[in-house]
Amino acid sequence: MKTARKILIGALALAPSPLFACAACYGKSDSPLAHGMNWGIFTMLGIVTPVLGTFAFCFIRMIQKEEAANKNNNAPKNITDV
């Protein structure tokens, strides 16, 4: 009885079910699902772009400060140091 129940549950879990394409794949670009997907993409772009820009700004700023520090350290202190 238990094996028959396991086989029935397994068969139901693996049985094919009808699949429906999303609005973008199906061709309905004016549906609410397509609008929601577009807003999701724009939101992700709006979050990722400033974060990556902040990292780039930090690295550029660190490079500039390091170059300025190296330039100040290599400059002669007095006329007699030359």
N, C-alpha and C. Protein backbone atom coordinates (compact mmCIF):
# COMPACT_ATOMS: atom_id res chain seq x y z
N MET A 1 0.83 -1.19 0.00
CA MET A 1 0.00 0.00 0.00
C MET A 1 0.87 1.25 0.00
N LYS A 2 1.96 1.25 0.82
CA LYS A 2 2.82 2.42 0.89
C LYS A 2 3.58 2.62 -0.42
N THR A 3 4.03 1.53 -1.04
CA THR A 3 4.75 1.69 -2.31
C THR A 3 3.81 2.18 -3.40
N ALA A 4 2.59 1.73 -3.40
CA ALA A 4 1.63 2.20 -4.40
C ALA A 4 1.38 3.69 -4.23
N ARG A 5 1.30 4.16 -2.97
CA ARG A 5 1.08 5.58 -2.70
C ARG A 5 2.30 6.40 -3.16
N LYS A 6 3.51 5.89 -2.91
CA LYS A 6 4.72 6.59 -3.33
C LYS A 6 4.80 6.67 -4.85
N ILE A 7 4.44 5.57 -5.52
CA ILE A 7 4.46 5.56 -6.98
C ILE A 7 3.43 6.56 -7.53
N LEU A 8 2.25 6.61 -6.94
CA LEU A 8 1.21 7.54 -7.39
C LEU A 8 1.64 8.99 -7.18
N ILE A 9 2.23 9.29 -6.02
CA ILE A 9 2.70 10.65 -5.75
C ILE A 9 3.83 11.02 -6.71
N GLY A 10 4.74 10.09 -6.95
CA GLY A 10 5.83 10.34 -7.90
C GLY A 10 5.31 10.56 -9.31
N ALA A 11 4.33 9.79 -9.72
CA ALA A 11 3.76 9.93 -11.06
C ALA A 11 3.05 11.27 -11.20
N LEU A 12 2.33 11.69 -10.19
CA LEU A 12 1.65 12.99 -10.24
C LEU A 12 2.65 14.15 -10.24
N ALA A 13 3.74 14.01 -9.50
CA ALA A 13 4.74 15.07 -9.45
C ALA A 13 5.47 15.20 -10.78
N LEU A 14 5.68 14.11 -11.47
CA LEU A 14 6.41 14.13 -12.74
C LEU A 14 5.51 14.22 -13.95
N ALA A 15 4.19 14.27 -13.75
CA ALA A 15 3.26 14.33 -14.88
C ALA A 15 3.40 15.67 -15.58
N PRO A 16 3.36 15.67 -16.90
CA PRO A 16 3.47 16.94 -17.61
C PRO A 16 2.23 17.80 -17.38
N SER A 17 2.47 19.09 -17.25
CA SER A 17 1.37 20.04 -17.07
C SER A 17 1.48 21.08 -18.17
N PRO A 18 0.38 21.74 -18.49
CA PRO A 18 0.45 22.75 -19.55
C PRO A 18 1.31 23.93 -19.11
N LEU A 19 2.16 24.40 -20.01
CA LEU A 19 3.03 25.53 -19.73
C LEU A 19 2.53 26.73 -20.50
N PHE A 20 2.57 27.87 -19.87
CA PHE A 20 2.13 29.10 -20.49
C PHE A 20 3.30 30.06 -20.59
N ALA A 21 3.50 30.65 -21.74
CA ALA A 21 4.59 31.60 -21.94
C ALA A 21 4.25 32.92 -21.25
N CYS A 22 5.28 33.63 -20.88
CA CYS A 22 5.06 34.94 -20.26
C CYS A 22 4.63 35.93 -21.34
N ALA A 23 4.25 37.12 -20.90
CA ALA A 23 3.73 38.11 -21.84
C ALA A 23 4.78 38.53 -22.86
N ALA A 24 6.04 38.60 -22.46
CA ALA A 24 7.09 39.02 -23.39
C ALA A 24 7.30 37.95 -24.47
N CYS A 25 7.27 36.68 -24.08
CA CYS A 25 7.49 35.61 -25.05
C CYS A 25 6.25 35.37 -25.90
N TYR A 26 5.10 35.58 -25.32
CA TYR A 26 3.85 35.29 -26.02
C TYR A 26 3.53 36.37 -27.05
N GLY A 27 4.05 37.57 -26.86
CA GLY A 27 3.85 38.63 -27.84
C GLY A 27 2.90 39.72 -27.38
N LYS A 28 2.42 39.66 -26.16
CA LYS A 28 1.53 40.71 -25.66
C LYS A 28 2.37 41.73 -24.89
N SER A 29 2.94 42.67 -25.61
CA SER A 29 3.84 43.62 -24.96
C SER A 29 3.10 44.71 -24.21
N ASP A 30 1.78 44.76 -24.31
CA ASP A 30 1.01 45.77 -23.59
C ASP A 30 0.33 45.21 -22.34
N SER A 31 0.66 44.00 -21.97
CA SER A 31 0.03 43.40 -20.80
C SER A 31 0.67 43.91 -19.52
N PRO A 32 -0.03 43.82 -18.38
CA PRO A 32 0.54 44.27 -17.11
C PRO A 32 1.80 43.51 -16.72
N LEU A 33 1.91 42.24 -17.10
CA LEU A 33 3.11 41.47 -16.79
C LEU A 33 4.33 42.03 -17.51
N ALA A 34 4.15 42.43 -18.76
CA ALA A 34 5.27 43.01 -19.52
C ALA A 34 5.67 44.36 -18.93
N HIS A 35 4.69 45.17 -18.53
CA HIS A 35 5.01 46.46 -17.91
C HIS A 35 5.75 46.27 -16.59
N GLY A 36 5.30 45.30 -15.81
CA GLY A 36 5.98 45.02 -14.54
C GLY A 36 7.40 44.54 -14.75
N MET A 37 7.60 43.70 -15.77
CA MET A 37 8.95 43.21 -16.07
C MET A 37 9.85 44.36 -16.51
N ASN A 38 9.32 45.27 -17.32
CA ASN A 38 10.12 46.42 -17.75
C ASN A 38 10.48 47.31 -16.57
N TRP A 39 9.54 47.56 -15.67
CA TRP A 39 9.85 48.38 -14.49
C TRP A 39 10.85 47.68 -13.59
N GLY A 40 10.80 46.37 -13.52
CA GLY A 40 11.79 45.63 -12.74
C GLY A 40 13.18 45.78 -13.32
N ILE A 41 13.29 45.73 -14.64
CA ILE A 41 14.58 45.90 -15.29
C ILE A 41 15.11 47.31 -15.05
N PHE A 42 14.26 48.31 -15.20
CA PHE A 42 14.69 49.70 -14.98
C PHE A 42 15.09 49.93 -13.53
N THR A 43 14.38 49.30 -12.60
CA THR A 43 14.73 49.44 -11.18
C THR A 43 16.09 48.83 -10.90
N MET A 44 16.34 47.65 -11.45
CA MET A 44 17.65 47.03 -11.25
C MET A 44 18.77 47.88 -11.85
N LEU A 45 18.53 48.44 -13.04
CA LEU A 45 19.52 49.33 -13.64
C LEU A 45 19.72 50.58 -12.78
N GLY A 46 18.64 51.08 -12.20
CA GLY A 46 18.73 52.27 -11.36
C GLY A 46 19.47 52.01 -10.06
N ILE A 47 19.53 50.77 -9.62
CA ILE A 47 20.26 50.44 -8.39
C ILE A 47 21.71 50.08 -8.71
N VAL A 48 21.93 49.28 -9.73
CA VAL A 48 23.27 48.78 -10.03
C VAL A 48 24.18 49.90 -10.55
N THR A 49 23.66 50.78 -11.39
CA THR A 49 24.48 51.83 -11.99
C THR A 49 25.09 52.77 -10.95
N PRO A 50 24.32 53.31 -10.01
CA PRO A 50 24.95 54.18 -9.00
C PRO A 50 25.93 53.44 -8.08
N VAL A 51 25.66 52.19 -7.78
CA VAL A 51 26.58 51.44 -6.92
C VAL A 51 27.93 51.24 -7.63
N LEU A 52 27.89 50.83 -8.89
CA LEU A 52 29.13 50.66 -9.64
C LEU A 52 29.83 52.00 -9.86
N GLY A 53 29.06 53.05 -10.07
CA GLY A 53 29.64 54.37 -10.21
C GLY A 53 30.34 54.82 -8.95
N THR A 54 29.77 54.49 -7.79
CA THR A 54 30.39 54.84 -6.51
C THR A 54 31.71 54.10 -6.33
N PHE A 55 31.75 52.82 -6.67
CA PHE A 55 33.01 52.07 -6.59
C PHE A 55 34.06 52.67 -7.51
N ALA A 56 33.67 53.01 -8.73
CA ALA A 56 34.62 53.59 -9.67
C ALA A 56 35.14 54.93 -9.14
N PHE A 57 34.25 55.75 -8.59
CA PHE A 57 34.65 57.05 -8.04
C PHE A 57 35.64 56.86 -6.89
N CYS A 58 35.38 55.89 -6.02
CA CYS A 58 36.28 55.63 -4.89
C CYS A 58 37.66 55.21 -5.37
N PHE A 59 37.73 54.32 -6.36
CA PHE A 59 39.03 53.88 -6.86
C PHE A 59 39.77 55.01 -7.55
N ILE A 60 39.06 55.81 -8.34
CA ILE A 60 39.70 56.94 -9.01
C ILE A 60 40.22 57.93 -7.98
N ARG A 61 39.44 58.19 -6.95
CA ARG A 61 39.86 59.13 -5.90
C ARG A 61 41.08 58.60 -5.14
N MET A 62 41.11 57.31 -4.86
CA MET A 62 42.27 56.73 -4.17
C MET A 62 43.52 56.84 -5.02
N ILE A 63 43.40 56.59 -6.33
CA ILE A 63 44.54 56.69 -7.22
C ILE A 63 45.05 58.13 -7.26
N GLN A 64 44.14 59.10 -7.33
CA GLN A 64 44.54 60.50 -7.36
C GLN A 64 45.26 60.90 -6.07
N LYS A 65 44.75 60.46 -4.93
CA LYS A 65 45.39 60.79 -3.66
C LYS A 65 46.76 60.14 -3.54
N GLU A 66 46.89 58.91 -4.02
CA GLU A 66 48.19 58.23 -3.96
C GLU A 66 49.20 58.94 -4.86
N GLU A 67 48.78 59.35 -6.04
CA GLU A 67 49.68 60.07 -6.94
C GLU A 67 50.11 61.41 -6.34
N ALA A 68 49.17 62.10 -5.69
CA ALA A 68 49.51 63.38 -5.05
C ALA A 68 50.48 63.16 -3.90
N ALA A 69 50.29 62.10 -3.13
CA ALA A 69 51.19 61.82 -2.01
C ALA A 69 52.58 61.46 -2.53
N ASN A 70 52.66 60.68 -3.59
CA ASN A 70 53.96 60.33 -4.17
C ASN A 70 54.66 61.55 -4.75
N LYS A 71 53.89 62.44 -5.34
CA LYS A 71 54.47 63.66 -5.91
C LYS A 71 55.05 64.55 -4.81
N ASN A 72 54.34 64.64 -3.68
CA ASN A 72 54.82 65.46 -2.56
C ASN A 72 56.03 64.82 -1.89
N ASN A 73 56.10 63.52 -1.83
CA ASN A 73 57.23 62.84 -1.19
C ASN A 73 58.50 62.91 -2.04
N ASN A 74 58.35 62.97 -3.35
CA ASN A 74 59.51 63.00 -4.24
C ASN A 74 60.04 64.41 -4.46
N ALA A 75 59.31 65.41 -4.06
CA ALA A 75 59.77 66.79 -4.26
C ALA A 75 60.88 67.11 -3.27
N PRO A 76 61.90 67.85 -3.70
CA PRO A 76 63.00 68.21 -2.79
C PRO A 76 62.49 69.16 -1.71
N LYS A 77 62.99 68.96 -0.48
CA LYS A 77 62.54 69.78 0.65
C LYS A 77 63.24 71.15 0.67
N ASN A 78 64.53 71.14 0.42
CA ASN A 78 65.31 72.39 0.45
C ASN A 78 66.10 72.50 -0.84
N ILE A 79 66.66 73.66 -1.02
CA ILE A 79 67.49 73.86 -2.21
C ILE A 79 68.76 73.01 -2.11
N THR A 80 69.24 72.78 -0.92
CA THR A 80 70.48 72.00 -0.75
C THR A 80 70.26 70.51 -0.98
N ASP A 81 69.00 70.04 -1.01
CA ASP A 81 68.72 68.62 -1.23
C ASP A 81 68.87 68.20 -2.68
N VAL A 82 68.96 69.16 -3.58
CA VAL A 82 69.01 68.85 -5.00
C VAL A 82 70.30 68.26 -5.41
